[in-house]
Amino acid sequence: MKNGKKPTRQQKVAIIAANLDPKDWLIMKNLSSELHILHRVKKESKVISA
């Protein structure tokens, strides 16, 4: 698995819109229609539709 990256400002807005805290999530994939995120501590992954 690749290392997650810190979210950009636009990605933080998308994470907040999904009722999540952007400080707790890392970006795994940034697709045009989806955002794949990984929790920093729990290693839980989610997909956010943009």
Protein backbone atom coordinates (compact mmCIF):
# COMPACT_ATOMS: atom_id res chain seq x y z
CA MET A 1 0.00 0.00 0.00
CA LYS A 2 1.26 3.46 -0.84
CA ASN A 3 1.72 6.12 1.80
CA GLY A 4 -1.21 8.51 2.21
CA LYS A 5 -0.79 12.23 1.52
CA LYS A 6 -2.08 15.23 3.44
CA PRO A 7 -5.29 16.63 1.90
CA THR A 8 -5.28 19.87 -0.06
CA ARG A 9 -7.74 22.66 0.64
CA GLN A 10 -10.28 21.39 -1.93
CA GLN A 11 -9.95 17.86 -0.59
CA LYS A 12 -10.49 19.12 2.96
CA VAL A 13 -13.73 20.76 1.82
CA ALA A 14 -14.91 17.43 0.36
CA ILE A 15 -13.99 15.59 3.58
CA ILE A 16 -15.84 18.15 5.71
CA ALA A 17 -18.87 17.82 3.41
CA ALA A 18 -18.88 14.08 4.24
CA ASN A 19 -19.09 14.98 7.98
CA LEU A 20 -15.52 13.84 8.69
CA ASP A 21 -12.56 15.62 10.31
CA PRO A 22 -9.82 16.28 7.71
CA LYS A 23 -7.11 16.12 10.39
CA ASP A 24 -7.83 12.40 10.84
CA TRP A 25 -7.75 11.36 7.17
CA LEU A 26 -5.07 10.89 4.49
CA ILE A 27 -5.60 10.85 0.71
CA MET A 28 -4.92 7.51 -1.00
CA LYS A 29 -6.40 8.16 -4.47
CA ASN A 30 -7.74 11.34 -6.02
CA LEU A 31 -9.94 10.41 -8.98
CA SER A 32 -12.13 12.86 -10.89
CA SER A 33 -15.36 11.49 -9.38
CA GLU A 34 -14.10 9.84 -6.16
CA LEU A 35 -11.77 10.51 -3.27
CA HIS A 36 -10.26 7.46 -1.54
CA ILE A 37 -9.26 8.31 2.03
CA LEU A 38 -7.56 6.39 4.85
CA HIS A 39 -7.89 7.05 8.59
CA ARG A 40 -4.55 7.94 10.20
CA VAL A 41 -4.97 5.73 13.28
CA LYS A 42 -7.57 3.04 12.54
CA LYS A 43 -6.36 2.37 8.96
CA GLU A 44 -10.02 2.35 7.89
CA SER A 45 -10.62 3.36 4.28
CA LYS A 46 -13.60 5.19 2.77
CA VAL A 47 -14.64 6.46 -0.65
CA ILE A 48 -16.17 9.92 -1.00
CA SER A 49 -18.08 10.83 -4.17
CA ALA A 50 -17.24 14.28 -5.43
